[in-house]
Amino acid sequence: MQNLFSFNVVSRSSSCVNNIVTDLFAGEVLVEYSSGECYSYSKVSRRAILNLLLQPNLSLGFWVNENLLFCDAKCATYGSCEHLEFAY
């Protein structure tokens, strides 16, 4: 079983999102979009992050739209993810 309180990488088949890295304890999420752009979101609902980690069939695009883009999550762009390597 995965440790939910460490950094977790969520990779699923999605047309708009490549990976999501979550930090449940801090309420932060790093999203790598298919376009190559990476965005860091803070003040993300911990309940939403937990739901993402525990629901293996949840659509990444749907989750991003519902919990990051159309809510009070704060965003800062990090630019291109071409050379960013996720630590699994």
PDB file of N, CA and C in Angstrom:
ATOM      1  N   MET A   1       0.843  -1.181   0.000  1.00  0.00           N
ATOM      2  CA  MET A   1       0.000   0.000   0.000  1.00  0.00           C
ATOM      3  C   MET A   1       0.883   1.236   0.000  1.00  0.00           C
ATOM      4  N   GLN A   2       0.465   2.242  -0.724  1.00  0.00           N
ATOM      5  CA  GLN A   2       1.243   3.471  -0.818  1.00  0.00           C
ATOM      6  C   GLN A   2       1.107   4.317   0.439  1.00  0.00           C
ATOM      7  N   ASN A   3       2.133   5.109   0.707  1.00  0.00           N
ATOM      8  CA  ASN A   3       2.094   6.043   1.816  1.00  0.00           C
ATOM      9  C   ASN A   3       1.426   7.317   1.334  1.00  0.00           C
ATOM     10  N   LEU A   4       0.225   7.601   1.794  1.00  0.00           N
ATOM     11  CA  LEU A   4      -0.542   8.737   1.310  1.00  0.00           C
ATOM     12  C   LEU A   4       0.032  10.071   1.750  1.00  0.00           C
ATOM     13  N   PHE A   5       0.887  10.074   2.774  1.00  0.00           N
ATOM     14  CA  PHE A   5       1.412  11.328   3.283  1.00  0.00           C
ATOM     15  C   PHE A   5       2.770  11.690   2.706  1.00  0.00           C
ATOM     16  N   SER A   6       3.257  10.908   1.753  1.00  0.00           N
ATOM     17  CA  SER A   6       4.482  11.272   1.050  1.00  0.00           C
ATOM     18  C   SER A   6       4.080  11.802  -0.326  1.00  0.00           C
ATOM     19  N   PHE A   7       5.058  12.154  -1.138  1.00  0.00           N
ATOM     20  CA  PHE A   7       4.764  12.576  -2.500  1.00  0.00           C
ATOM     21  C   PHE A   7       4.295  11.366  -3.293  1.00  0.00           C
ATOM     22  N   ASN A   8       3.214  11.515  -4.027  1.00  0.00           N
ATOM     23  CA  ASN A   8       2.668  10.436  -4.847  1.00  0.00           C
ATOM     24  C   ASN A   8       2.522  10.918  -6.279  1.00  0.00           C
ATOM     25  N   VAL A   9       2.929  10.090  -7.222  1.00  0.00           N
ATOM     26  CA  VAL A   9       2.780  10.396  -8.638  1.00  0.00           C
ATOM     27  C   VAL A   9       1.589   9.613  -9.170  1.00  0.00           C
ATOM     28  N   VAL A  10       0.646  10.334  -9.771  1.00  0.00           N
ATOM     29  CA  VAL A  10      -0.536   9.707 -10.344  1.00  0.00           C
ATOM     30  C   VAL A  10      -0.411   9.800 -11.861  1.00  0.00           C
ATOM     31  N   SER A  11      -0.307   8.655 -12.511  1.00  0.00           N
ATOM     32  CA  SER A  11      -0.221   8.587 -13.978  1.00  0.00           C
ATOM     33  C   SER A  11      -1.322   7.669 -14.485  1.00  0.00           C
ATOM     34  N   ARG A  12      -2.201   8.241 -15.275  1.00  0.00           N
ATOM     35  CA  ARG A  12      -3.284   7.471 -15.887  1.00  0.00           C
ATOM     36  C   ARG A  12      -3.448   7.935 -17.319  1.00  0.00           C
ATOM     37  N   SER A  13      -4.143   7.164 -18.106  1.00  0.00           N
ATOM     38  CA  SER A  13      -4.413   7.548 -19.481  1.00  0.00           C
ATOM     39  C   SER A  13      -5.300   8.787 -19.490  1.00  0.00           C
ATOM     40  N   SER A  14      -4.787   9.867 -20.076  1.00  0.00           N
ATOM     41  CA  SER A  14      -5.534  11.112 -20.144  1.00  0.00           C
ATOM     42  C   SER A  14      -5.069  11.899 -21.354  1.00  0.00           C
ATOM     43  N   SER A  15      -5.991  12.567 -22.020  1.00  0.00           N
ATOM     44  CA  SER A  15      -5.625  13.349 -23.192  1.00  0.00           C
ATOM     45  C   SER A  15      -5.094  14.727 -22.838  1.00  0.00           C
ATOM     46  N   CYS A  16      -5.301  15.190 -21.609  1.00  0.00           N
ATOM     47  CA  CYS A  16      -4.850  16.536 -21.249  1.00  0.00           C
ATOM     48  C   CYS A  16      -3.801  16.563 -20.145  1.00  0.00           C
ATOM     49  N   VAL A  17      -3.664  15.503 -19.360  1.00  0.00           N
ATOM     50  CA  VAL A  17      -2.735  15.489 -18.233  1.00  0.00           C
ATOM     51  C   VAL A  17      -1.816  14.276 -18.333  1.00  0.00           C
ATOM     52  N   ASN A  18      -0.499  14.513 -18.242  1.00  0.00           N
ATOM     53  CA  ASN A  18       0.461  13.400 -18.242  1.00  0.00           C
ATOM     54  C   ASN A  18       0.623  12.817 -16.846  1.00  0.00           C
ATOM     55  N   ASN A  19       0.928  13.669 -15.867  1.00  0.00           N
ATOM     56  CA  ASN A  19       1.194  13.236 -14.489  1.00  0.00           C
ATOM     57  C   ASN A  19       0.665  14.262 -13.512  1.00  0.00           C
ATOM     58  N   ILE A  20       0.338  13.785 -12.335  1.00  0.00           N
ATOM     59  CA  ILE A  20       0.015  14.655 -11.214  1.00  0.00           C
ATOM     60  C   ILE A  20       0.836  14.170 -10.031  1.00  0.00           C
ATOM     61  N   VAL A  21       1.592  15.078  -9.423  1.00  0.00           N
ATOM     62  CA  VAL A  21       2.359  14.761  -8.226  1.00  0.00           C
ATOM     63  C   VAL A  21       1.643  15.438  -7.068  1.00  0.00           C
ATOM     64  N   THR A  22       1.300  14.662  -6.038  1.00  0.00           N
ATOM     65  CA  THR A  22       0.532  15.200  -4.916  1.00  0.00           C
ATOM     66  C   THR A  22       1.347  15.212  -3.633  1.00  0.00           C
ATOM     67  N   ASP A  23       1.061  16.192  -2.809  1.00  0.00           N
ATOM     68  CA  ASP A  23       1.582  16.272  -1.448  1.00  0.00           C
ATOM     69  C   ASP A  23       0.366  16.495  -0.552  1.00  0.00           C
ATOM     70  N   LEU A  24      -0.183  15.408  -0.045  1.00  0.00           N
ATOM     71  CA  LEU A  24      -1.415  15.462   0.744  1.00  0.00           C
ATOM     72  C   LEU A  24      -1.242  16.307   1.999  1.00  0.00           C
ATOM     73  N   PHE A  25      -0.122  16.156   2.665  1.00  0.00           N
ATOM     74  CA  PHE A  25       0.105  16.863   3.922  1.00  0.00           C
ATOM     75  C   PHE A  25       0.106  18.378   3.728  1.00  0.00           C
ATOM     76  N   ALA A  26       0.756  18.862   2.657  1.00  0.00           N
ATOM     77  CA  ALA A  26       0.861  20.300   2.405  1.00  0.00           C
ATOM     78  C   ALA A  26      -0.307  20.846   1.590  1.00  0.00           C
ATOM     79  N   GLY A  27      -1.113  19.955   0.988  1.00  0.00           N
ATOM     80  CA  GLY A  27      -2.217  20.412   0.151  1.00  0.00           C
ATOM     81  C   GLY A  27      -1.735  21.021  -1.151  1.00  0.00           C
ATOM     82  N   GLU A  28      -0.673  20.445  -1.715  1.00  0.00           N
ATOM     83  CA  GLU A  28      -0.097  20.967  -2.950  1.00  0.00           C
ATOM     84  C   GLU A  28      -0.098  19.899  -4.036  1.00  0.00           C
ATOM     85  N   VAL A  29      -0.235  20.351  -5.280  1.00  0.00           N
ATOM     86  CA  VAL A  29      -0.291  19.464  -6.432  1.00  0.00           C
ATOM     87  C   VAL A  29       0.547  20.069  -7.552  1.00  0.00           C
ATOM     88  N   LEU A  30       1.331  19.241  -8.222  1.00  0.00           N
ATOM     89  CA  LEU A  30       2.075  19.637  -9.409  1.00  0.00           C
ATOM     90  C   LEU A  30       1.489  18.863 -10.576  1.00  0.00           C
ATOM     91  N   VAL A  31       1.037  19.592 -11.604  1.00  0.00           N
ATOM     92  CA  VAL A  31       0.388  18.967 -12.753  1.00  0.00           C
ATOM     93  C   VAL A  31       1.255  19.179 -13.989  1.00  0.00           C
ATOM     94  N   GLU A  32       1.562  18.087 -14.686  1.00  0.00           N
ATOM     95  CA  GLU A  32       2.231  18.166 -15.982  1.00  0.00           C
ATOM     96  C   GLU A  32       1.170  17.904 -17.042  1.00  0.00           C
ATOM     97  N   TYR A  33       0.867  18.943 -17.817  1.00  0.00           N
ATOM     98  CA  TYR A  33      -0.133  18.826 -18.872  1.00  0.00           C
ATOM     99  C   TYR A  33       0.485  18.216 -20.126  1.00  0.00           C
ATOM    100  N   SER A  34      -0.333  17.704 -21.008  1.00  0.00           N
ATOM    101  CA  SER A  34       0.136  17.086 -22.245  1.00  0.00           C
ATOM    102  C   SER A  34       0.867  18.075 -23.142  1.00  0.00           C
ATOM    103  N   SER A  35       0.590  19.349 -22.974  1.00  0.00           N
ATOM    104  CA  SER A  35       1.247  20.388 -23.770  1.00  0.00           C
ATOM    105  C   SER A  35       2.701  20.590 -23.349  1.00  0.00           C
ATOM    106  N   GLY A  36       3.093  20.005 -22.209  1.00  0.00           N
ATOM    107  CA  GLY A  36       4.452  20.157 -21.708  1.00  0.00           C
ATOM    108  C   GLY A  36       4.581  21.195 -20.613  1.00  0.00           C
ATOM    109  N   GLU A  37       3.522  21.914 -20.327  1.00  0.00           N
ATOM    110  CA  GLU A  37       3.548  22.919 -19.270  1.00  0.00           C
ATOM    111  C   GLU A  37       3.311  22.271 -17.911  1.00  0.00           C
ATOM    112  N   CYS A  38       4.000  22.788 -16.897  1.00  0.00           N
ATOM    113  CA  CYS A  38       3.820  22.318 -15.521  1.00  0.00           C
ATOM    114  C   CYS A  38       3.280  23.458 -14.675  1.00  0.00           C
ATOM    115  N   TYR A  39       2.328  23.143 -13.850  1.00  0.00           N
ATOM    116  CA  TYR A  39       1.759  24.130 -12.947  1.00  0.00           C
ATOM    117  C   TYR A  39       1.727  23.555 -11.540  1.00  0.00           C
ATOM    118  N   SER A  40       2.043  24.400 -10.593  1.00  0.00           N
ATOM    119  CA  SER A  40       2.002  24.028  -9.187  1.00  0.00           C
ATOM    120  C   SER A  40       0.788  24.705  -8.559  1.00  0.00           C
ATOM    121  N   TYR A  41       0.001  23.935  -7.842  1.00  0.00           N
ATOM    122  CA  TYR A  41      -1.192  24.462  -7.183  1.00  0.00           C
ATOM    123  C   TYR A  41      -1.058  24.273  -5.684  1.00  0.00           C
ATOM    124  N   SER A  42      -1.356  25.310  -4.936  1.00  0.00           N
ATOM    125  CA  SER A  42      -1.344  25.220  -3.478  1.00  0.00           C
ATOM    126  C   SER A  42      -2.758  25.464  -2.968  1.00  0.00           C
ATOM    127  N   LYS A  43      -2.960  25.205  -1.701  1.00  0.00           N
ATOM    128  CA  LYS A  43      -4.270  25.338  -1.063  1.00  0.00           C
ATOM    129  C   LYS A  43      -5.316  24.459  -1.744  1.00  0.00           C
ATOM    130  N   VAL A  44      -4.894  23.269  -2.168  1.00  0.00           N
ATOM    131  CA  VAL A  44      -5.808  22.308  -2.781  1.00  0.00           C
ATOM    132  C   VAL A  44      -6.495  21.520  -1.669  1.00  0.00           C
ATOM    133  N   SER A  45      -7.739  21.234  -1.849  1.00  0.00           N
ATOM    134  CA  SER A  45      -8.498  20.465  -0.864  1.00  0.00           C
ATOM    135  C   SER A  45      -7.826  19.116  -0.610  1.00  0.00           C
ATOM    136  N   ARG A  46      -7.506  18.851   0.642  1.00  0.00           N
ATOM    137  CA  ARG A  46      -6.896  17.566   0.987  1.00  0.00           C
ATOM    138  C   ARG A  46      -7.863  16.409   0.752  1.00  0.00           C
ATOM    139  N   ARG A  47      -9.131  16.676   0.906  1.00  0.00           N
ATOM    140  CA  ARG A  47     -10.140  15.660   0.632  1.00  0.00           C
ATOM    141  C   ARG A  47     -10.146  15.315  -0.856  1.00  0.00           C
ATOM    142  N   ALA A  48      -9.985  16.322  -1.717  1.00  0.00           N
ATOM    143  CA  ALA A  48      -9.930  16.077  -3.162  1.00  0.00           C
ATOM    144  C   ALA A  48      -8.679  15.286  -3.532  1.00  0.00           C
ATOM    145  N   ILE A  49      -7.541  15.615  -2.922  1.00  0.00           N
ATOM    146  CA  ILE A  49      -6.297  14.879  -3.187  1.00  0.00           C
ATOM    147  C   ILE A  49      -6.450  13.428  -2.744  1.00  0.00           C
ATOM    148  N   LEU A  50      -7.001  13.212  -1.574  1.00  0.00           N
ATOM    149  CA  LEU A  50      -7.213  11.857  -1.076  1.00  0.00           C
ATOM    150  C   LEU A  50      -8.144  11.074  -1.996  1.00  0.00           C
ATOM    151  N   ASN A  51      -9.184  11.719  -2.488  1.00  0.00           N
ATOM    152  CA  ASN A  51     -10.102  11.074  -3.425  1.00  0.00           C
ATOM    153  C   ASN A  51      -9.370  10.658  -4.701  1.00  0.00           C
ATOM    154  N   LEU A  52      -8.482  11.518  -5.206  1.00  0.00           N
ATOM    155  CA  LEU A  52      -7.698  11.188  -6.397  1.00  0.00           C
ATOM    156  C   LEU A  52      -6.812   9.974  -6.149  1.00  0.00           C
ATOM    157  N   LEU A  53      -6.179   9.914  -4.985  1.00  0.00           N
ATOM    158  CA  LEU A  53      -5.268   8.820  -4.680  1.00  0.00           C
ATOM    159  C   LEU A  53      -5.981   7.496  -4.455  1.00  0.00           C
ATOM    160  N   LEU A  54      -7.206   7.541  -3.942  1.00  0.00           N
ATOM    161  CA  LEU A  54      -7.924   6.311  -3.600  1.00  0.00           C
ATOM    162  C   LEU A  54      -8.867   5.811  -4.684  1.00  0.00           C
ATOM    163  N   GLN A  55      -9.140   6.629  -5.709  1.00  0.00           N
ATOM    164  CA  GLN A  55     -10.053   6.242  -6.787  1.00  0.00           C
ATOM    165  C   GLN A  55      -9.260   6.003  -8.073  1.00  0.00           C
ATOM    166  N   PRO A  56      -8.872   4.773  -8.359  1.00  0.00           N
ATOM    167  CA  PRO A  56      -8.023   4.505  -9.522  1.00  0.00           C
ATOM    168  C   PRO A  56      -8.702   4.735 -10.872  1.00  0.00           C
ATOM    169  N   ASN A  57     -10.008   4.841 -10.917  1.00  0.00           N
ATOM    170  CA  ASN A  57     -10.711   5.045 -12.182  1.00  0.00           C
ATOM    171  C   ASN A  57     -11.119   6.493 -12.410  1.00  0.00           C
ATOM    172  N   LEU A  58     -10.736   7.390 -11.511  1.00  0.00           N
ATOM    173  CA  LEU A  58     -11.100   8.792 -11.622  1.00  0.00           C
ATOM    174  C   LEU A  58     -10.317   9.456 -12.748  1.00  0.00           C
ATOM    175  N   SER A  59     -11.005  10.157 -13.622  1.00  0.00           N
ATOM    176  CA  SER A  59     -10.382  10.838 -14.756  1.00  0.00           C
ATOM    177  C   SER A  59      -9.510  11.992 -14.254  1.00  0.00           C
ATOM    178  N   LEU A  60      -8.258  12.057 -14.746  1.00  0.00           N
ATOM    179  CA  LEU A  60      -7.356  13.127 -14.334  1.00  0.00           C
ATOM    180  C   LEU A  60      -7.847  14.485 -14.832  1.00  0.00           C
ATOM    181  N   GLY A  61      -8.315  14.542 -16.072  1.00  0.00           N
ATOM    182  CA  GLY A  61      -8.824  15.802 -16.616  1.00  0.00           C
ATOM    183  C   GLY A  61     -10.027  16.307 -15.847  1.00  0.00           C
ATOM    184  N   PHE A  62     -10.948  15.413 -15.530  1.00  0.00           N
ATOM    185  CA  PHE A  62     -12.115  15.787 -14.735  1.00  0.00           C
ATOM    186  C   PHE A  62     -11.683  16.291 -13.365  1.00  0.00           C
ATOM    187  N   TRP A  63     -10.739  15.589 -12.729  1.00  0.00           N
ATOM    188  CA  TRP A  63     -10.286  15.981 -11.394  1.00  0.00           C
ATOM    189  C   TRP A  63      -9.641  17.363 -11.430  1.00  0.00           C
ATOM    190  N   VAL A  64      -8.800  17.616 -12.422  1.00  0.00           N
ATOM    191  CA  VAL A  64      -8.148  18.921 -12.540  1.00  0.00           C
ATOM    192  C   VAL A  64      -9.187  20.018 -12.734  1.00  0.00           C
ATOM    193  N   ASN A  65     -10.144  19.806 -13.632  1.00  0.00           N
ATOM    194  CA  ASN A  65     -11.180  20.814 -13.869  1.00  0.00           C
ATOM    195  C   ASN A  65     -11.997  21.098 -12.622  1.00  0.00           C
ATOM    196  N   GLU A  66     -12.386  20.059 -11.915  1.00  0.00           N
ATOM    197  CA  GLU A  66     -13.257  20.231 -10.752  1.00  0.00           C
ATOM    198  C   GLU A  66     -12.537  20.764  -9.518  1.00  0.00           C
ATOM    199  N   ASN A  67     -11.251  20.409  -9.347  1.00  0.00           N
ATOM    200  CA  ASN A  67     -10.582  20.722  -8.086  1.00  0.00           C
ATOM    201  C   ASN A  67      -9.456  21.745  -8.178  1.00  0.00           C
ATOM    202  N   LEU A  68      -9.049  22.093  -9.378  1.00  0.00           N
ATOM    203  CA  LEU A  68      -7.955  23.049  -9.517  1.00  0.00           C
ATOM    204  C   LEU A  68      -8.352  24.282 -10.324  1.00  0.00           C
ATOM    205  N   LEU A  69      -8.988  24.088 -11.458  1.00  0.00           N
ATOM    206  CA  LEU A  69      -9.233  25.210 -12.358  1.00  0.00           C
ATOM    207  C   LEU A  69     -10.448  26.039 -11.977  1.00  0.00           C
ATOM    208  N   PHE A  70     -11.473  25.440 -11.434  1.00  0.00           N
ATOM    209  CA  PHE A  70     -12.696  26.166 -11.134  1.00  0.00           C
ATOM    210  C   PHE A  70     -12.969  26.237  -9.639  1.00  0.00           C
ATOM    211  N   CYS A  71     -11.932  26.539  -8.869  1.00  0.00           N
ATOM    212  CA  CYS A  71     -12.093  26.660  -7.421  1.00  0.00           C
ATOM    213  C   CYS A  71     -11.066  27.663  -6.901  1.00  0.00           C
ATOM    214  N   ASP A  72     -10.787  27.656  -5.621  1.00  0.00           N
ATOM    215  CA  ASP A  72      -9.907  28.641  -5.009  1.00  0.00           C
ATOM    216  C   ASP A  72      -8.457  28.199  -4.896  1.00  0.00           C
ATOM    217  N   ALA A  73      -8.045  27.167  -5.624  1.00  0.00           N
ATOM    218  CA  ALA A  73      -6.645  26.739  -5.578  1.00  0.00           C
ATOM    219  C   ALA A  73      -5.772  27.832  -6.185  1.00  0.00           C
ATOM    220  N   LYS A  74      -4.635  28.072  -5.593  1.00  0.00           N
ATOM    221  CA  LYS A  74      -3.693  29.081  -6.079  1.00  0.00           C
ATOM    222  C   LYS A  74      -2.728  28.428  -7.046  1.00  0.00           C
ATOM    223  N   CYS A  75      -2.342  29.146  -8.099  1.00  0.00           N
ATOM    224  CA  CYS A  75      -1.536  28.554  -9.157  1.00  0.00           C
ATOM    225  C   CYS A  75      -0.309  29.406  -9.451  1.00  0.00           C
ATOM    226  N   ALA A  76       0.787  28.742  -9.747  1.00  0.00           N
ATOM    227  CA  ALA A  76       2.003  29.400 -10.228  1.00  0.00           C
ATOM    228  C   ALA A  76       2.592  28.518 -11.314  1.00  0.00           C
ATOM    229  N   THR A  77       2.912  29.093 -12.440  1.00  0.00           N
ATOM    230  CA  THR A  77       3.430  28.292 -13.549  1.00  0.00           C
ATOM    231  C   THR A  77       4.927  28.050 -13.395  1.00  0.00           C
ATOM    232  N   TYR A  78       5.386  26.916 -13.849  1.00  0.00           N
ATOM    233  CA  TYR A  78       6.807  26.595 -13.851  1.00  0.00           C
ATOM    234  C   TYR A  78       7.334  26.438 -15.262  1.00  0.00           C
ATOM    235  N   GLY A  79       6.517  26.694 -16.278  1.00  0.00           N
ATOM    236  CA  GLY A  79       6.982  26.608 -17.652  1.00  0.00           C
ATOM    237  C   GLY A  79       7.030  25.191 -18.174  1.00  0.00           C
ATOM    238  N   SER A  80       7.973  24.951 -19.054  1.00  0.00           N
ATOM    239  CA  SER A  80       8.058  23.672 -19.758  1.00  0.00           C
ATOM    240  C   SER A  80       8.555  22.561 -18.845  1.00  0.00           C
ATOM    241  N   CYS A  81       8.016  21.364 -19.041  1.00  0.00           N
ATOM    242  CA  CYS A  81       8.406  20.187 -18.264  1.00  0.00           C
ATOM    243  C   CYS A  81       9.288  19.246 -19.064  1.00  0.00           C
ATOM    244  N   GLU A  82       9.826  19.697 -20.183  1.00  0.00           N
ATOM    245  CA  GLU A  82      10.571  18.801 -21.047  1.00  0.00           C
ATOM    246  C   GLU A  82      11.738  18.133 -20.341  1.00  0.00           C
ATOM    247  N   HIS A  83      12.406  18.829 -19.440  1.00  0.00           N
ATOM    248  CA  HIS A  83      13.582  18.276 -18.778  1.00  0.00           C
ATOM    249  C   HIS A  83      13.321  17.924 -17.317  1.00  0.00           C
ATOM    250  N   LEU A  84      12.076  18.031 -16.891  1.00  0.00           N
ATOM    251  CA  LEU A  84      11.718  17.717 -15.513  1.00  0.00           C
ATOM    252  C   LEU A  84      11.527  16.223 -15.377  1.00  0.00           C
ATOM    253  N   GLU A  85      12.180  15.630 -14.411  1.00  0.00           N
ATOM    254  CA  GLU A  85      12.020  14.204 -14.157  1.00  0.00           C
ATOM    255  C   GLU A  85      11.290  14.021 -12.837  1.00  0.00           C
ATOM    256  N   PHE A  86      10.238  13.212 -12.856  1.00  0.00           N
ATOM    257  CA  PHE A  86       9.497  12.943 -11.641  1.00  0.00           C
ATOM    258  C   PHE A  86      10.172  11.800 -10.895  1.00  0.00           C
ATOM    259  N   ALA A  87      10.302  11.959  -9.604  1.00  0.00           N
ATOM    260  CA  ALA A  87      10.888  10.905  -8.758  1.00  0.00           C
ATOM    261  C   ALA A  87       9.774   9.948  -8.363  1.00  0.00           C
ATOM    262  N   TYR A  88       9.874   8.718  -8.824  1.00  0.00           N
ATOM    263  CA  TYR A  88       8.834   7.734  -8.527  1.00  0.00           C
ATOM    264  C   TYR A  88       9.155   7.047  -7.246  1.00  0.00           C
TER     265      TYR A  88
END
